[in-house]
C-alpha atoms as a PDB file:
ATOM      1  CA  MET A   1     -10.279   3.983   6.445  1.00  0.00           C
ATOM      2  CA  ILE A   2     -11.747   2.538   3.481  1.00  0.00           C
ATOM      3  CA  ASN A   3     -14.998   2.032   5.122  1.00  0.00           C
ATOM      4  CA  ALA A   4     -16.398   1.183   9.162  1.00  0.00           C
ATOM      5  CA  THR A   5     -14.134  -2.051   9.227  1.00  0.00           C
ATOM      6  CA  ASN A   6     -11.437  -2.008   6.625  1.00  0.00           C
ATOM      7  CA  GLY A   7      -8.296   0.205   6.536  1.00  0.00           C
ATOM      8  CA  TRP A   8      -4.825   0.841   5.456  1.00  0.00           C
ATOM      9  CA  ALA A   9      -2.351   2.920   7.542  1.00  0.00           C
ATOM     10  CA  LEU A  10       1.543   3.546   6.164  1.00  0.00           C
ATOM     11  CA  GLY A  11       4.915   3.501   8.230  1.00  0.00           C
ATOM     12  CA  VAL A  12       8.315   4.527   7.096  1.00  0.00           C
ATOM     13  CA  ILE A  13       9.159   0.539   6.124  1.00  0.00           C
ATOM     14  CA  ASN A  14       5.685  -0.934   7.022  1.00  0.00           C
ATOM     15  CA  VAL A  15       1.978  -1.734   5.567  1.00  0.00           C
ATOM     16  CA  LEU A  16      -0.350  -1.975   7.972  1.00  0.00           C
ATOM     17  CA  ARG A  17      -4.301  -3.323   7.090  1.00  0.00           C
ATOM     18  CA  THR A  18      -7.086  -3.530   9.750  1.00  0.00           C
ATOM     19  CA  THR A  19     -10.734  -5.299   9.015  1.00  0.00           C
ATOM     20  CA  ASP A  20     -11.889  -4.965  12.539  1.00  0.00           C
ATOM     21  CA  GLY A  21     -12.284  -1.153  12.430  1.00  0.00           C
ATOM     22  CA  GLY A  22      -8.389  -0.560  13.874  1.00  0.00           C
ATOM     23  CA  ALA A  23      -9.130  -2.807  16.778  1.00  0.00           C
ATOM     24  CA  THR A  24      -6.269  -5.053  15.229  1.00  0.00           C
ATOM     25  CA  TRP A  25      -3.625  -3.803  12.701  1.00  0.00           C
ATOM     26  CA  TYR A  26      -1.419  -6.222  10.881  1.00  0.00           C
ATOM     27  CA  ASN A  27       1.571  -5.789   8.956  1.00  0.00           C
ATOM     28  CA  MET A  28       1.335  -6.876   5.256  1.00  0.00           C
ATOM     29  CA  ILE A  29       4.831  -8.023   5.018  1.00  0.00           C
ATOM     30  CA  MET A  30       5.924  -6.869   1.554  1.00  0.00           C
ATOM     31  CA  PRO A  31       9.330  -7.543   0.087  1.00  0.00           C
ATOM     32  CA  SER A  32      12.516  -5.870   1.876  1.00  0.00           C
ATOM     33  CA  LEU A  33      11.307  -2.126   1.241  1.00  0.00           C
ATOM     34  CA  PRO A  34      13.671   1.019   1.247  1.00  0.00           C
ATOM     35  CA  SER A  35      11.374   3.520   2.592  1.00  0.00           C
ATOM     36  CA  ILE A  36       7.894   4.307   1.338  1.00  0.00           C
ATOM     37  CA  ARG A  37       7.070   7.185  -0.363  1.00  0.00           C
ATOM     38  CA  ASN A  38       3.222   7.512  -0.910  1.00  0.00           C
ATOM     39  CA  ALA A  39       0.532   4.658  -1.862  1.00  0.00           C
ATOM     40  CA  TYR A  40      -3.081   4.839  -2.617  1.00  0.00           C
ATOM     41  CA  PHE A  41      -5.731   1.823  -1.476  1.00  0.00           C
ATOM     42  CA  ARG A  42      -8.553   2.181  -3.553  1.00  0.00           C
ATOM     43  CA  ASP A  43     -10.555  -0.619  -1.504  1.00  0.00           C
ATOM     44  CA  SER A  44      -9.687  -2.988   1.207  1.00  0.00           C
ATOM     45  CA  ASN A  45      -7.794  -5.320  -1.762  1.00  0.00           C
ATOM     46  CA  LYS A  46      -6.482  -3.391  -4.193  1.00  0.00           C
ATOM     47  CA  GLY A  47      -3.488  -0.625  -3.619  1.00  0.00           C
ATOM     48  CA  TRP A  48      -0.423   0.997  -4.849  1.00  0.00           C
ATOM     49  CA  VAL A  49       2.830   1.595  -2.566  1.00  0.00           C
ATOM     50  CA  LEU A  50       5.255   3.617  -4.191  1.00  0.00           C
ATOM     51  CA  THR A  51       9.250   3.613  -2.918  1.00  0.00           C
ATOM     52  CA  ASN A  52      12.273   5.435  -4.230  1.00  0.00           C
ATOM     53  CA  ASP A  53      12.534   2.920  -7.171  1.00  0.00           C
ATOM     54  CA  SER A  54       9.670   0.888  -7.712  1.00  0.00           C
ATOM     55  CA  ILE A  55       5.419   0.325  -7.695  1.00  0.00           C
ATOM     56  CA  TYR A  56       4.232  -2.140  -5.960  1.00  0.00           C
ATOM     57  CA  ARG A  57       0.420  -3.635  -6.450  1.00  0.00           C
ATOM     58  CA  THR A  58      -1.824  -5.757  -4.611  1.00  0.00           C
ATOM     59  CA  ALA A  59      -5.153  -7.073  -5.621  1.00  0.00           C
ATOM     60  CA  ASN A  60      -6.285  -9.584  -2.916  1.00  0.00           C
ATOM     61  CA  GLY A  61      -5.896  -7.201   0.167  1.00  0.00           C
ATOM     62  CA  GLY A  62      -2.014  -7.623   0.778  1.00  0.00           C
ATOM     63  CA  SER A  63      -1.725 -11.420   0.225  1.00  0.00           C
ATOM     64  CA  THR A  64       0.897 -10.883  -2.526  1.00  0.00           C
ATOM     65  CA  TRP A  65       2.304  -7.968  -4.070  1.00  0.00           C
ATOM     66  CA  THR A  66       3.843  -7.657  -7.973  1.00  0.00           C
ATOM     67  CA  HIS A  67       6.691  -5.407  -8.085  1.00  0.00           C
ATOM     68  CA  TYR A  68       7.064  -3.309 -11.159  1.00  0.00           C
ATOM     69  CA  SER A  69      10.708  -1.193 -11.451  1.00  0.00           C
ATOM     70  CA  VAL A  70      10.423   2.829 -12.360  1.00  0.00           C
ATOM     71  CA  PRO A  71      12.241   4.832 -14.361  1.00  0.00           C
ATOM     72  CA  PHE A  72      12.443   8.055 -12.059  1.00  0.00           C
ATOM     73  CA  SER A  73      13.353   8.326  -7.781  1.00  0.00           C
ATOM     74  CA  GLY A  74      10.679   9.457  -5.863  1.00  0.00           C
ATOM     75  CA  GLY A  75       7.729  10.898  -6.690  1.00  0.00           C
ATOM     76  CA  TYR A  76       4.029  10.564  -5.445  1.00  0.00           C
ATOM     77  CA  ILE A  77       1.184   8.356  -6.537  1.00  0.00           C
ATOM     78  CA  GLN A  78      -1.938  10.219  -7.855  1.00  0.00           C
ATOM     79  CA  PHE A  79      -5.001   8.551  -9.651  1.00  0.00           C
ATOM     80  CA  LEU A  80      -7.783  10.250 -11.498  1.00  0.00           C
ATOM     81  CA  MET A  81     -11.044   8.574 -11.574  1.00  0.00           C
ATOM     82  CA  THR A  82     -13.242   9.148 -13.915  1.00  0.00           C
END
């Protein structure tokens, strides 16, 4: 959970979001994804999802996603905060 009301969850091919503390979960439909490898959600609006060959980024709570191809397969997302 990001805070008491907002949170994200991952399935093998699903990205779920709640805005009511987990009482209701919504599938944030993304382009047809292969299996999800990892994800990082900075807050209730910004997040990154890694698949085998791509990174998807949202800046609006999952309403839209931007696709980026990556030159590797697999791996994990990790951010360092300063």
